Amino acid sequence: MKDEDILTTGQAAKLLRISIKSVIQMIDRKHLYGWTIPGSKHRRVRKADVLAFAKQNGIPIDKGT
């Protein structure tokens, strides 16, 4: 997996046009698959999962991202 395939919560929020807090809540509630980096509170998500979530929920994504 390449680095650009993994997003921070901030990057995912920007793609989805929502707040970082909303992304964190979606991960915590299992609406979006993500994980916490061991030893920290920082979460990561796969870009493919964010794009699939957007498609399933009718959220438009800029094709250039």
Protein backbone atom coordinates (compact mmCIF):
# COMPACT_ATOMS: atom_id res chain seq x y z
CA MET A 1 0.00 0.00 0.00
CA LYS A 2 1.36 3.41 -0.98
CA ASP A 3 1.43 6.40 1.35
CA GLU A 4 -1.07 8.26 -0.85
CA ASP A 5 -3.54 5.41 -0.30
CA ILE A 6 -3.69 6.26 3.43
CA LEU A 7 -5.37 9.47 4.62
CA THR A 8 -5.36 11.38 7.86
CA THR A 9 -8.72 12.36 9.31
CA GLY A 10 -8.06 15.90 8.06
CA GLN A 11 -7.50 14.70 4.50
CA ALA A 12 -10.62 12.52 4.64
CA ALA A 13 -12.63 15.45 6.01
CA LYS A 14 -11.46 17.65 3.16
CA LEU A 15 -12.45 15.03 0.58
CA LEU A 16 -15.88 14.57 2.13
CA ARG A 17 -16.30 18.31 2.86
CA ILE A 18 -17.09 17.65 6.52
CA SER A 19 -15.34 18.36 9.82
CA ILE A 20 -12.49 16.30 11.21
CA LYS A 21 -14.64 15.62 14.26
CA SER A 22 -17.31 14.10 12.01
CA VAL A 23 -14.75 11.78 10.39
CA ILE A 24 -13.52 10.69 13.84
CA GLN A 25 -17.09 9.99 14.94
CA MET A 26 -17.77 8.00 11.76
CA ILE A 27 -14.69 5.87 12.42
CA ASP A 28 -15.58 5.39 16.09
CA ARG A 29 -19.16 4.41 15.18
CA LYS A 30 -17.92 1.99 12.50
CA HIS A 31 -19.59 3.89 9.63
CA LEU A 32 -16.16 4.30 8.05
CA TYR A 33 -13.31 1.83 8.47
CA GLY A 34 -10.24 3.38 10.06
CA TRP A 35 -7.65 2.65 12.71
CA THR A 36 -5.73 4.41 15.44
CA ILE A 37 -1.96 4.61 15.21
CA PRO A 38 -0.54 2.60 18.14
CA GLY A 39 0.54 4.81 21.02
CA SER A 40 -1.44 7.83 19.82
CA LYS A 41 -4.96 9.14 19.25
CA HIS A 42 -4.32 9.78 15.55
CA ARG A 43 -6.51 7.87 13.12
CA ARG A 44 -5.96 6.85 9.52
CA VAL A 45 -8.31 5.67 6.79
CA ARG A 46 -7.80 4.16 3.38
CA LYS A 47 -8.60 6.53 0.52
CA ALA A 48 -10.50 3.73 -1.23
CA ASP A 49 -12.78 3.38 1.83
CA VAL A 50 -13.45 7.12 1.91
CA LEU A 51 -14.29 7.15 -1.80
CA ALA A 52 -16.57 4.12 -1.41
CA PHE A 53 -18.32 5.78 1.55
CA ALA A 54 -18.84 8.93 -0.50
CA LYS A 55 -20.28 6.96 -3.41
CA GLN A 56 -22.63 4.95 -1.17
CA ASN A 57 -23.89 8.14 0.47
CA GLY A 58 -24.18 10.30 -2.62
CA ILE A 59 -21.38 12.66 -1.61
CA PRO A 60 -19.74 14.26 -4.67
CA ILE A 61 -15.95 13.98 -4.78
CA ASP A 62 -13.70 16.07 -7.02
CA LYS A 63 -12.10 13.64 -9.49
CA GLY A 64 -8.81 15.54 -9.25
CA THR A 65 -8.22 14.47 -5.63
